[in-house]
């Protein structure tokens, strides 16, 4: 028995030595990774070193704040990218027009939330590669089926101040009223109450509202294109807007976006919030960005062919974090 005790003691001693060695090695790897992340964070030229000030308006299912953390499809995308870059997210919530102003004037590092690309926006901030795509849809009561610009004649159409389509909407011939609101919630309230006839909002937001409130009796109908209204007739590149001249940061964000497409994670984040229509991952062809803020030969990102065509299946296969 004494010999057994000595053998057991030596065995435990050897195990403890190996375990300590493994732990020290693992700790060294973590320290090395942490140091690398910190070094990268310093190189990104954010407004506050090591932090990423993110502007958003809180419209779900794209963005919101929960327990101090960004959530929503777009919110989780930037949170993942920031974490990979070793940056701490600093949320900055405001109405959409204020978010645009804060980012274009350099008070936000980045803004997002179903943000559509336009040539004008590319002049006041650096626009990321797209994270998904969508066209213009008309939200309305299920008893109606408005689908053309001519259908807007004499009708009240609501949207949000600062949306890219506002100038064109105001110019639609015979439109009864292009009614502007500070928030999407206010537009939805008036649409449900019948105070406006149609609404043009972020399609994921309306899709989620329809799923959660069937009693509202709403649906979305695709707006038929008209060359006289190129912005409202195109399929949008949904992007992130980066503070102008923050080139290193924009490049790092674009690398993170490329990884989202390659790993199907953008699809999974969208599916987590009920957005599963495959059209959100199919780009416009041709893409209007080519020749404006993207060089000839640039290709619109698309999902890795190995991604599950069923977005709900992708969500299950790639858990959101």
C-alpha atoms as a PDB file:
ATOM      1  CA  UNK A   1       0.000   0.000   0.000  1.00  0.00           C
ATOM      2  CA  UNK A   2       2.744   2.538   0.770  1.00  0.00           C
ATOM      3  CA  UNK A   3       4.269   1.813  -2.685  1.00  0.00           C
ATOM      4  CA  UNK A   4       0.877   2.365  -4.320  1.00  0.00           C
ATOM      5  CA  UNK A   5       0.578   5.658  -2.510  1.00  0.00           C
ATOM      6  CA  UNK A   6       3.974   6.818  -3.753  1.00  0.00           C
ATOM      7  CA  UNK A   7       3.135   5.769  -7.327  1.00  0.00           C
ATOM      8  CA  UNK A   8      -0.187   7.564  -7.191  1.00  0.00           C
ATOM      9  CA  UNK A   9       1.488  10.656  -5.811  1.00  0.00           C
ATOM     10  CA  UNK A  10       4.085  10.657  -8.576  1.00  0.00           C
ATOM     11  CA  UNK A  11       1.408  10.137 -11.195  1.00  0.00           C
ATOM     12  CA  UNK A  12      -0.593  13.052  -9.862  1.00  0.00           C
ATOM     13  CA  UNK A  13       2.547  15.166  -9.757  1.00  0.00           C
ATOM     14  CA  UNK A  14       3.312  14.400 -13.405  1.00  0.00           C
ATOM     15  CA  UNK A  15      -0.324  15.132 -14.379  1.00  0.00           C
ATOM     16  CA  UNK A  16      -0.278  18.416 -12.470  1.00  0.00           C
ATOM     17  CA  UNK A  17       2.960  19.420 -14.192  1.00  0.00           C
ATOM     18  CA  UNK A  18       1.517  18.631 -17.630  1.00  0.00           C
ATOM     19  CA  UNK A  19      -1.748  20.385 -16.800  1.00  0.00           C
ATOM     20  CA  UNK A  20       0.067  23.483 -15.587  1.00  0.00           C
ATOM     21  CA  UNK A  21       2.158  23.446 -18.753  1.00  0.00           C
ATOM     22  CA  UNK A  22      -0.935  23.168 -20.938  1.00  0.00           C
ATOM     23  CA  UNK A  23      -2.665  25.950 -19.052  1.00  0.00           C
ATOM     24  CA  UNK A  24       0.378  28.203 -19.338  1.00  0.00           C
ATOM     25  CA  UNK A  25       0.602  27.477 -23.069  1.00  0.00           C
ATOM     26  CA  UNK A  26      -3.113  28.167 -23.519  1.00  0.00           C
ATOM     27  CA  UNK A  27      -2.773  31.353 -21.514  1.00  0.00           C
ATOM     28  CA  UNK A  28       0.140  32.427 -23.682  1.00  0.00           C
ATOM     29  CA  UNK A  29      -1.968  31.873 -26.795  1.00  0.00           C
ATOM     30  CA  UNK A  30      -4.814  33.945 -25.331  1.00  0.00           C
ATOM     31  CA  UNK A  31      -2.416  36.709 -24.334  1.00  0.00           C
ATOM     32  CA  UNK A  32      -0.924  36.628 -27.814  1.00  0.00           C
ATOM     33  CA  UNK A  33      -4.352  36.813 -29.437  1.00  0.00           C
ATOM     34  CA  UNK A  34      -5.416  39.586 -27.074  1.00  0.00           C
ATOM     35  CA  UNK A  35      -2.255  41.553 -27.802  1.00  0.00           C
ATOM     36  CA  UNK A  36      -2.790  41.105 -31.545  1.00  0.00           C
ATOM     37  CA  UNK A  37      -6.413  42.249 -31.248  1.00  0.00           C
ATOM     38  CA  UNK A  38      -5.363  45.274 -29.185  1.00  0.00           C
ATOM     39  CA  UNK A  39      -2.673  46.168 -31.731  1.00  0.00           C
ATOM     40  CA  UNK A  40      -5.201  45.872 -34.562  1.00  0.00           C
ATOM     41  CA  UNK A  41      -7.707  47.992 -32.647  1.00  0.00           C
ATOM     42  CA  UNK A  42      -5.107  50.749 -32.276  1.00  0.00           C
ATOM     43  CA  UNK A  43      -4.454  50.726 -36.042  1.00  0.00           C
ATOM     44  CA  UNK A  44      -8.108  51.202 -36.982  1.00  0.00           C
ATOM     45  CA  UNK A  45      -8.219  54.926 -36.164  1.00  0.00           C
ATOM     46  CA  UNK A  46     -11.566  54.867 -34.376  1.00  0.00           C
ATOM     47  CA  UNK A  47     -12.793  58.027 -32.643  1.00  0.00           C
ATOM     48  CA  UNK A  48     -11.968  56.495 -29.262  1.00  0.00           C
ATOM     49  CA  UNK A  49      -9.074  53.997 -29.267  1.00  0.00           C
ATOM     50  CA  UNK A  50     -10.307  50.439 -28.816  1.00  0.00           C
ATOM     51  CA  UNK A  51     -13.970  51.445 -29.152  1.00  0.00           C
ATOM     52  CA  UNK A  52     -16.446  51.518 -32.033  1.00  0.00           C
ATOM     53  CA  UNK A  53     -19.198  54.133 -31.820  1.00  0.00           C
ATOM     54  CA  UNK A  54     -22.167  52.637 -33.692  1.00  0.00           C
ATOM     55  CA  UNK A  55     -25.072  54.850 -34.776  1.00  0.00           C
ATOM     56  CA  UNK A  56     -28.517  53.268 -35.201  1.00  0.00           C
ATOM     57  CA  UNK A  57     -32.200  54.173 -34.834  1.00  0.00           C
ATOM     58  CA  UNK A  58     -33.496  51.076 -33.033  1.00  0.00           C
ATOM     59  CA  UNK A  59     -35.881  49.762 -35.693  1.00  0.00           C
ATOM     60  CA  UNK A  60     -36.282  46.010 -35.319  1.00  0.00           C
ATOM     61  CA  UNK A  61     -35.577  43.501 -36.653  1.00  0.00           C
ATOM     62  CA  UNK A  62     -32.422  45.337 -37.801  1.00  0.00           C
ATOM     63  CA  UNK A  63     -31.230  47.140 -34.676  1.00  0.00           C
ATOM     64  CA  UNK A  64     -32.097  47.613 -31.027  1.00  0.00           C
ATOM     65  CA  UNK A  65     -30.449  47.764 -27.630  1.00  0.00           C
ATOM     66  CA  UNK A  66     -30.942  45.079 -24.983  1.00  0.00           C
ATOM     67  CA  UNK A  67     -29.080  45.075 -21.675  1.00  0.00           C
ATOM     68  CA  UNK A  68     -26.537  47.433 -23.180  1.00  0.00           C
ATOM     69  CA  UNK A  69     -25.843  45.141 -26.154  1.00  0.00           C
ATOM     70  CA  UNK A  70     -26.697  45.693 -29.815  1.00  0.00           C
ATOM     71  CA  UNK A  71     -29.216  43.161 -31.116  1.00  0.00           C
ATOM     72  CA  UNK A  72     -31.182  42.718 -34.312  1.00  0.00           C
ATOM     73  CA  UNK A  73     -29.906  41.302 -37.593  1.00  0.00           C
ATOM     74  CA  UNK A  74     -27.681  44.248 -38.527  1.00  0.00           C
ATOM     75  CA  UNK A  75     -26.777  44.941 -34.901  1.00  0.00           C
ATOM     76  CA  UNK A  76     -25.470  41.423 -34.397  1.00  0.00           C
ATOM     77  CA  UNK A  77     -23.474  41.644 -37.615  1.00  0.00           C
ATOM     78  CA  UNK A  78     -21.538  44.725 -36.501  1.00  0.00           C
ATOM     79  CA  UNK A  79     -21.206  43.345 -32.961  1.00  0.00           C
ATOM     80  CA  UNK A  80     -19.530  40.203 -34.349  1.00  0.00           C
ATOM     81  CA  UNK A  81     -17.232  42.219 -36.606  1.00  0.00           C
ATOM     82  CA  UNK A  82     -16.279  44.532 -33.727  1.00  0.00           C
ATOM     83  CA  UNK A  83     -15.536  41.588 -31.432  1.00  0.00           C
ATOM     84  CA  UNK A  84     -13.322  39.999 -34.088  1.00  0.00           C
ATOM     85  CA  UNK A  85     -11.434  43.297 -34.392  1.00  0.00           C
ATOM     86  CA  UNK A  86     -10.993  43.622 -30.634  1.00  0.00           C
ATOM     87  CA  UNK A  87     -13.236  46.689 -30.463  1.00  0.00           C
ATOM     88  CA  UNK A  88     -15.791  47.507 -27.778  1.00  0.00           C
ATOM     89  CA  UNK A  89     -19.139  48.614 -29.225  1.00  0.00           C
ATOM     90  CA  UNK A  90     -20.423  51.957 -27.954  1.00  0.00           C
ATOM     91  CA  UNK A  91     -24.115  52.227 -28.982  1.00  0.00           C
ATOM     92  CA  UNK A  92     -25.381  55.641 -30.154  1.00  0.00           C
ATOM     93  CA  UNK A  93     -29.139  55.633 -30.740  1.00  0.00           C
ATOM     94  CA  UNK A  94     -31.056  58.506 -32.360  1.00  0.00           C
ATOM     95  CA  UNK A  95     -33.677  59.092 -35.047  1.00  0.00           C
ATOM     96  CA  UNK A  96     -32.506  58.252 -38.564  1.00  0.00           C
ATOM     97  CA  UNK A  97     -31.807  61.780 -39.785  1.00  0.00           C
ATOM     98  CA  UNK A  98     -29.717  62.473 -36.671  1.00  0.00           C
ATOM     99  CA  UNK A  99     -27.780  59.211 -37.119  1.00  0.00           C
ATOM    100  CA  UNK A 100     -26.877  60.215 -40.683  1.00  0.00           C
ATOM    101  CA  UNK A 101     -25.763  63.678 -39.562  1.00  0.00           C
ATOM    102  CA  UNK A 102     -23.689  62.336 -36.681  1.00  0.00           C
ATOM    103  CA  UNK A 103     -21.891  59.862 -38.934  1.00  0.00           C
ATOM    104  CA  UNK A 104     -21.288  62.248 -41.833  1.00  0.00           C
ATOM    105  CA  UNK A 105     -19.898  64.828 -39.390  1.00  0.00           C
ATOM    106  CA  UNK A 106     -17.559  62.276 -37.791  1.00  0.00           C
ATOM    107  CA  UNK A 107     -19.216  61.727 -34.402  1.00  0.00           C
ATOM    108  CA  UNK A 108     -20.053  58.066 -35.125  1.00  0.00           C
ATOM    109  CA  UNK A 109     -17.519  55.566 -36.403  1.00  0.00           C
ATOM    110  CA  UNK A 110     -20.174  53.631 -38.268  1.00  0.00           C
ATOM    111  CA  UNK A 111     -23.955  53.620 -38.782  1.00  0.00           C
ATOM    112  CA  UNK A 112     -26.317  50.870 -39.854  1.00  0.00           C
ATOM    113  CA  UNK A 113     -29.862  49.552 -39.865  1.00  0.00           C
ATOM    114  CA  UNK A 114     -31.256  48.617 -43.313  1.00  0.00           C
ATOM    115  CA  UNK A 115     -29.203  51.518 -44.676  1.00  0.00           C
ATOM    116  CA  UNK A 116     -29.528  51.812 -48.450  1.00  0.00           C
ATOM    117  CA  UNK A 117     -26.588  52.816 -50.627  1.00  0.00           C
ATOM    118  CA  UNK A 118     -26.823  56.004 -52.676  1.00  0.00           C
ATOM    119  CA  UNK A 119     -24.207  57.911 -54.647  1.00  0.00           C
ATOM    120  CA  UNK A 120     -24.906  60.967 -52.495  1.00  0.00           C
ATOM    121  CA  UNK A 121     -24.183  59.096 -49.275  1.00  0.00           C
ATOM    122  CA  UNK A 122     -20.933  57.778 -50.735  1.00  0.00           C
ATOM    123  CA  UNK A 123     -19.748  61.394 -50.974  1.00  0.00           C
ATOM    124  CA  UNK A 124     -20.147  62.160 -47.251  1.00  0.00           C
ATOM    125  CA  UNK A 125     -19.112  58.817 -45.739  1.00  0.00           C
ATOM    126  CA  UNK A 126     -17.318  55.632 -46.765  1.00  0.00           C
ATOM    127  CA  UNK A 127     -19.899  53.003 -47.650  1.00  0.00           C
ATOM    128  CA  UNK A 128     -19.236  49.358 -46.854  1.00  0.00           C
ATOM    129  CA  UNK A 129     -19.862  46.365 -49.058  1.00  0.00           C
ATOM    130  CA  UNK A 130     -23.504  45.192 -48.825  1.00  0.00           C
ATOM    131  CA  UNK A 131     -24.677  42.905 -46.033  1.00  0.00           C
ATOM    132  CA  UNK A 132     -27.939  42.022 -47.878  1.00  0.00           C
ATOM    133  CA  UNK A 133     -30.296  43.525 -50.481  1.00  0.00           C
ATOM    134  CA  UNK A 134     -33.933  44.556 -50.892  1.00  0.00           C
ATOM    135  CA  UNK A 135     -36.214  46.474 -53.237  1.00  0.00           C
ATOM    136  CA  UNK A 136     -39.013  48.977 -52.575  1.00  0.00           C
ATOM    137  CA  UNK A 137     -42.183  47.426 -51.190  1.00  0.00           C
ATOM    138  CA  UNK A 138     -45.500  49.149 -50.500  1.00  0.00           C
ATOM    139  CA  UNK A 139     -46.963  48.231 -47.114  1.00  0.00           C
ATOM    140  CA  UNK A 140     -50.757  48.451 -47.132  1.00  0.00           C
ATOM    141  CA  UNK A 141     -53.964  46.847 -45.960  1.00  0.00           C
ATOM    142  CA  UNK A 142     -54.643  43.386 -47.366  1.00  0.00           C
ATOM    143  CA  UNK A 143     -57.838  44.779 -48.904  1.00  0.00           C
ATOM    144  CA  UNK A 144     -55.667  46.835 -51.280  1.00  0.00           C
ATOM    145  CA  UNK A 145     -53.117  45.838 -53.907  1.00  0.00           C
ATOM    146  CA  UNK A 146     -51.287  49.041 -54.787  1.00  0.00           C
ATOM    147  CA  UNK A 147     -48.188  48.299 -56.865  1.00  0.00           C
ATOM    148  CA  UNK A 148     -47.432  51.223 -59.191  1.00  0.00           C
ATOM    149  CA  UNK A 149     -46.485  54.884 -59.033  1.00  0.00           C
ATOM    150  CA  UNK A 150     -49.831  55.660 -60.663  1.00  0.00           C
ATOM    151  CA  UNK A 151     -51.554  53.997 -57.688  1.00  0.00           C
ATOM    152  CA  UNK A 152     -50.157  56.764 -55.461  1.00  0.00           C
ATOM    153  CA  UNK A 153     -52.309  59.405 -57.163  1.00  0.00           C
ATOM    154  CA  UNK A 154     -54.504  61.030 -54.535  1.00  0.00           C
ATOM    155  CA  UNK A 155     -53.153  58.735 -51.828  1.00  0.00           C
ATOM    156  CA  UNK A 156     -51.255  59.440 -48.624  1.00  0.00           C
ATOM    157  CA  UNK A 157     -47.927  57.619 -48.547  1.00  0.00           C
ATOM    158  CA  UNK A 158     -45.878  57.596 -45.363  1.00  0.00           C
ATOM    159  CA  UNK A 159     -42.146  57.123 -44.878  1.00  0.00           C
ATOM    160  CA  UNK A 160     -39.321  58.253 -42.587  1.00  0.00           C
ATOM    161  CA  UNK A 161     -37.452  61.557 -42.770  1.00  0.00           C
ATOM    162  CA  UNK A 162     -33.971  60.967 -44.137  1.00  0.00           C
ATOM    163  CA  UNK A 163     -34.811  57.879 -46.197  1.00  0.00           C
ATOM    164  CA  UNK A 164     -33.100  57.961 -49.590  1.00  0.00           C
ATOM    165  CA  UNK A 165     -36.353  57.803 -51.526  1.00  0.00           C
ATOM    166  CA  UNK A 166     -37.951  60.933 -50.033  1.00  0.00           C
ATOM    167  CA  UNK A 167     -37.113  63.366 -52.902  1.00  0.00           C
ATOM    168  CA  UNK A 168     -38.487  60.959 -55.499  1.00  0.00           C
ATOM    169  CA  UNK A 169     -41.586  60.186 -53.435  1.00  0.00           C
ATOM    170  CA  UNK A 170     -42.437  63.881 -53.219  1.00  0.00           C
ATOM    171  CA  UNK A 171     -42.100  64.130 -57.012  1.00  0.00           C
ATOM    172  CA  UNK A 172     -44.563  61.327 -57.872  1.00  0.00           C
ATOM    173  CA  UNK A 173     -47.215  62.914 -60.138  1.00  0.00           C
ATOM    174  CA  UNK A 174     -50.550  63.423 -58.415  1.00  0.00           C
ATOM    175  CA  UNK A 175     -49.502  61.929 -55.081  1.00  0.00           C
ATOM    176  CA  UNK A 176     -51.981  62.990 -52.416  1.00  0.00           C
ATOM    177  CA  UNK A 177     -49.332  63.539 -49.729  1.00  0.00           C
ATOM    178  CA  UNK A 178     -45.821  62.291 -49.054  1.00  0.00           C
ATOM    179  CA  UNK A 179     -46.115  62.248 -45.285  1.00  0.00           C
ATOM    180  CA  UNK A 180     -42.824  62.172 -43.356  1.00  0.00           C
ATOM    181  CA  UNK A 181     -42.333  60.836 -39.844  1.00  0.00           C
ATOM    182  CA  UNK A 182     -39.447  60.769 -37.387  1.00  0.00           C
ATOM    183  CA  UNK A 183     -39.817  57.048 -36.664  1.00  0.00           C
ATOM    184  CA  UNK A 184     -40.997  53.868 -38.364  1.00  0.00           C
ATOM    185  CA  UNK A 185     -43.273  53.129 -35.407  1.00  0.00           C
ATOM    186  CA  UNK A 186     -45.192  56.342 -36.074  1.00  0.00           C
ATOM    187  CA  UNK A 187     -45.638  55.383 -39.734  1.00  0.00           C
ATOM    188  CA  UNK A 188     -46.911  51.933 -38.783  1.00  0.00           C
ATOM    189  CA  UNK A 189     -49.403  53.359 -36.291  1.00  0.00           C
ATOM    190  CA  UNK A 190     -50.938  55.605 -38.935  1.00  0.00           C
ATOM    191  CA  UNK A 191     -51.002  52.801 -41.506  1.00  0.00           C
ATOM    192  CA  UNK A 192     -52.785  50.435 -39.132  1.00  0.00           C
ATOM    193  CA  UNK A 193     -55.216  53.189 -38.118  1.00  0.00           C
ATOM    194  CA  UNK A 194     -55.986  54.018 -41.759  1.00  0.00           C
ATOM    195  CA  UNK A 195     -54.646  57.575 -41.594  1.00  0.00           C
ATOM    196  CA  UNK A 196     -52.346  56.828 -44.538  1.00  0.00           C
ATOM    197  CA  UNK A 197     -52.938  54.521 -47.510  1.00  0.00           C
ATOM    198  CA  UNK A 198     -49.441  53.133 -47.997  1.00  0.00           C
ATOM    199  CA  UNK A 199     -46.097  53.078 -46.239  1.00  0.00           C
ATOM    200  CA  UNK A 200     -42.585  52.617 -47.544  1.00  0.00           C
ATOM    201  CA  UNK A 201     -40.422  51.293 -44.750  1.00  0.00           C
ATOM    202  CA  UNK A 202     -37.578  48.837 -44.333  1.00  0.00           C
ATOM    203  CA  UNK A 203     -39.060  45.557 -45.624  1.00  0.00           C
ATOM    204  CA  UNK A 204     -37.610  43.413 -42.800  1.00  0.00           C
ATOM    205  CA  UNK A 205     -39.325  45.640 -40.228  1.00  0.00           C
ATOM    206  CA  UNK A 206     -42.706  45.304 -41.924  1.00  0.00           C
ATOM    207  CA  UNK A 207     -42.220  41.579 -42.476  1.00  0.00           C
ATOM    208  CA  UNK A 208     -41.641  41.086 -38.761  1.00  0.00           C
ATOM    209  CA  UNK A 209     -44.658  43.262 -37.853  1.00  0.00           C
ATOM    210  CA  UNK A 210     -46.910  41.268 -40.194  1.00  0.00           C
ATOM    211  CA  UNK A 211     -45.755  37.999 -38.640  1.00  0.00           C
ATOM    212  CA  UNK A 212     -46.273  39.254 -35.084  1.00  0.00           C
ATOM    213  CA  UNK A 213     -49.585  41.073 -35.707  1.00  0.00           C
ATOM    214  CA  UNK A 214     -51.764  39.272 -38.275  1.00  0.00           C
ATOM    215  CA  UNK A 215     -54.746  41.165 -36.841  1.00  0.00           C
ATOM    216  CA  UNK A 216     -53.382  44.326 -38.461  1.00  0.00           C
ATOM    217  CA  UNK A 217     -54.249  42.812 -41.861  1.00  0.00           C
ATOM    218  CA  UNK A 218     -51.216  44.206 -43.678  1.00  0.00           C
ATOM    219  CA  UNK A 219     -49.152  42.946 -46.566  1.00  0.00           C
ATOM    220  CA  UNK A 220     -46.295  44.240 -48.719  1.00  0.00           C
ATOM    221  CA  UNK A 221     -46.474  44.497 -52.509  1.00  0.00           C
ATOM    222  CA  UNK A 222     -43.444  45.067 -54.725  1.00  0.00           C
ATOM    223  CA  UNK A 223     -43.412  48.486 -56.379  1.00  0.00           C
ATOM    224  CA  UNK A 224     -43.234  48.127 -60.144  1.00  0.00           C
ATOM    225  CA  UNK A 225     -40.157  49.941 -61.492  1.00  0.00           C
ATOM    226  CA  UNK A 226     -40.341  53.142 -63.484  1.00  0.00           C
ATOM    227  CA  UNK A 227     -37.173  54.623 -65.042  1.00  0.00           C
ATOM    228  CA  UNK A 228     -38.369  58.095 -64.035  1.00  0.00           C
ATOM    229  CA  UNK A 229     -37.765  57.070 -60.399  1.00  0.00           C
ATOM    230  CA  UNK A 230     -34.414  55.229 -60.371  1.00  0.00           C
ATOM    231  CA  UNK A 231     -33.917  55.145 -56.586  1.00  0.00           C
ATOM    232  CA  UNK A 232     -37.360  53.741 -55.805  1.00  0.00           C
ATOM    233  CA  UNK A 233     -37.124  51.359 -58.773  1.00  0.00           C
ATOM    234  CA  UNK A 234     -33.832  49.738 -57.858  1.00  0.00           C
ATOM    235  CA  UNK A 235     -32.915  46.946 -55.510  1.00  0.00           C
ATOM    236  CA  UNK A 236     -30.923  48.450 -52.663  1.00  0.00           C
ATOM    237  CA  UNK A 237     -27.491  47.488 -51.479  1.00  0.00           C
ATOM    238  CA  UNK A 238     -28.010  47.409 -47.698  1.00  0.00           C
ATOM    239  CA  UNK A 239     -24.777  48.678 -46.200  1.00  0.00           C
ATOM    240  CA  UNK A 240     -22.966  50.245 -43.268  1.00  0.00           C
ATOM    241  CA  UNK A 241     -21.810  53.847 -43.407  1.00  0.00           C
ATOM    242  CA  UNK A 242     -18.294  54.453 -42.074  1.00  0.00           C
ATOM    243  CA  UNK A 243     -16.871  57.789 -40.953  1.00  0.00           C
ATOM    244  CA  UNK A 244     -15.273  59.511 -43.946  1.00  0.00           C
ATOM    245  CA  UNK A 245     -11.527  58.915 -44.400  1.00  0.00           C
ATOM    246  CA  UNK A 246     -11.470  56.098 -41.808  1.00  0.00           C
ATOM    247  CA  UNK A 247      -9.952  53.904 -44.515  1.00  0.00           C
ATOM    248  CA  UNK A 248      -8.375  51.251 -42.288  1.00  0.00           C
ATOM    249  CA  UNK A 249     -11.620  50.842 -40.349  1.00  0.00           C
ATOM    250  CA  UNK A 250     -13.683  50.565 -43.544  1.00  0.00           C
ATOM    251  CA  UNK A 251     -11.305  47.950 -44.943  1.00  0.00           C
ATOM    252  CA  UNK A 252     -11.508  45.923 -41.724  1.00  0.00           C
ATOM    253  CA  UNK A 253     -15.311  46.101 -41.696  1.00  0.00           C
ATOM    254  CA  UNK A 254     -15.436  44.976 -45.341  1.00  0.00           C
ATOM    255  CA  UNK A 255     -13.229  41.998 -44.472  1.00  0.00           C
ATOM    256  CA  UNK A 256     -15.682  41.117 -41.701  1.00  0.00           C
ATOM    257  CA  UNK A 257     -18.617  41.444 -44.095  1.00  0.00           C
ATOM    258  CA  UNK A 258     -16.894  39.107 -46.576  1.00  0.00           C
ATOM    259  CA  UNK A 259     -16.625  36.548 -43.783  1.00  0.00           C
ATOM    260  CA  UNK A 260     -20.353  36.937 -42.992  1.00  0.00           C
ATOM    261  CA  UNK A 261     -21.223  36.062 -46.594  1.00  0.00           C
ATOM    262  CA  UNK A 262     -18.730  33.189 -46.715  1.00  0.00           C
ATOM    263  CA  UNK A 263     -19.916  31.589 -43.473  1.00  0.00           C
ATOM    264  CA  UNK A 264     -23.658  32.246 -44.074  1.00  0.00           C
ATOM    265  CA  UNK A 265     -23.727  34.218 -40.798  1.00  0.00           C
ATOM    266  CA  UNK A 266     -25.587  37.208 -42.272  1.00  0.00           C
ATOM    267  CA  UNK A 267     -28.279  34.805 -43.490  1.00  0.00           C
ATOM    268  CA  UNK A 268     -28.439  33.186 -40.058  1.00  0.00           C
ATOM    269  CA  UNK A 269     -28.748  36.516 -38.228  1.00  0.00           C
ATOM    270  CA  UNK A 270     -31.587  37.539 -40.558  1.00  0.00           C
ATOM    271  CA  UNK A 271     -33.381  34.229 -40.074  1.00  0.00           C
ATOM    272  CA  UNK A 272     -33.082  34.576 -36.311  1.00  0.00           C
ATOM    273  CA  UNK A 273     -35.390  37.582 -36.613  1.00  0.00           C
ATOM    274  CA  UNK A 274     -37.857  36.021 -39.023  1.00  0.00           C
ATOM    275  CA  UNK A 275     -36.420  37.285 -42.322  1.00  0.00           C
ATOM    276  CA  UNK A 276     -36.009  34.200 -44.495  1.00  0.00           C
ATOM    277  CA  UNK A 277     -36.868  35.338 -48.037  1.00  0.00           C
ATOM    278  CA  UNK A 278     -33.977  34.286 -50.337  1.00  0.00           C
ATOM    279  CA  UNK A 279     -34.343  37.520 -52.341  1.00  0.00           C
ATOM    280  CA  UNK A 280     -32.584  39.400 -49.540  1.00  0.00           C
ATOM    281  CA  UNK A 281     -29.339  37.724 -50.616  1.00  0.00           C
ATOM    282  CA  UNK A 282     -29.623  38.238 -54.386  1.00  0.00           C
ATOM    283  CA  UNK A 283     -27.925  41.418 -55.675  1.00  0.00           C
ATOM    284  CA  UNK A 284     -29.229  43.843 -58.294  1.00  0.00           C
ATOM    285  CA  UNK A 285     -27.832  43.224 -61.762  1.00  0.00           C
ATOM    286  CA  UNK A 286     -26.195  45.438 -62.803  1.00  0.00           C
ATOM    287  CA  UNK A 287     -25.189  46.871 -59.449  1.00  0.00           C
ATOM    288  CA  UNK A 288     -25.496  50.699 -59.510  1.00  0.00           C
ATOM    289  CA  UNK A 289     -22.372  51.058 -57.351  1.00  0.00           C
ATOM    290  CA  UNK A 290     -20.044  49.996 -60.162  1.00  0.00           C
ATOM    291  CA  UNK A 291     -18.376  53.073 -61.587  1.00  0.00           C
ATOM    292  CA  UNK A 292     -19.427  55.210 -58.602  1.00  0.00           C
ATOM    293  CA  UNK A 293     -17.739  53.942 -55.441  1.00  0.00           C
ATOM    294  CA  UNK A 294     -16.720  50.532 -56.763  1.00  0.00           C
ATOM    295  CA  UNK A 295     -14.371  49.905 -59.679  1.00  0.00           C
ATOM    296  CA  UNK A 296     -15.303  48.167 -62.905  1.00  0.00           C
ATOM    297  CA  UNK A 297     -15.061  44.439 -62.364  1.00  0.00           C
ATOM    298  CA  UNK A 298     -16.182  44.583 -58.719  1.00  0.00           C
ATOM    299  CA  UNK A 299     -18.622  41.773 -58.004  1.00  0.00           C
ATOM    300  CA  UNK A 300     -21.570  42.029 -55.632  1.00  0.00           C
ATOM    301  CA  UNK A 301     -21.130  39.626 -52.707  1.00  0.00           C
ATOM    302  CA  UNK A 302     -23.397  36.598 -52.605  1.00  0.00           C
ATOM    303  CA  UNK A 303     -23.791  33.692 -50.226  1.00  0.00           C
ATOM    304  CA  UNK A 304     -21.316  30.862 -50.275  1.00  0.00           C
ATOM    305  CA  UNK A 305     -22.872  28.129 -52.491  1.00  0.00           C
ATOM    306  CA  UNK A 306     -22.641  25.797 -49.499  1.00  0.00           C
ATOM    307  CA  UNK A 307     -25.048  27.964 -47.478  1.00  0.00           C
ATOM    308  CA  UNK A 308     -28.455  26.420 -46.857  1.00  0.00           C
ATOM    309  CA  UNK A 309     -30.934  27.775 -49.410  1.00  0.00           C
ATOM    310  CA  UNK A 310     -33.498  27.599 -46.626  1.00  0.00           C
ATOM    311  CA  UNK A 311     -32.576  30.545 -44.395  1.00  0.00           C
ATOM    312  CA  UNK A 312     -34.385  29.019 -41.423  1.00  0.00           C
ATOM    313  CA  UNK A 313     -32.196  25.961 -41.819  1.00  0.00           C
ATOM    314  CA  UNK A 314     -29.147  28.208 -41.925  1.00  0.00           C
ATOM    315  CA  UNK A 315     -30.129  29.733 -38.617  1.00  0.00           C
ATOM    316  CA  UNK A 316     -30.311  26.314 -37.041  1.00  0.00           C
ATOM    317  CA  UNK A 317     -27.028  25.212 -38.566  1.00  0.00           C
ATOM    318  CA  UNK A 318     -25.164  28.420 -37.705  1.00  0.00           C
ATOM    319  CA  UNK A 319     -26.279  29.587 -34.267  1.00  0.00           C
ATOM    320  CA  UNK A 320     -26.172  33.359 -33.846  1.00  0.00           C
ATOM    321  CA  UNK A 321     -23.911  34.710 -31.155  1.00  0.00           C
END
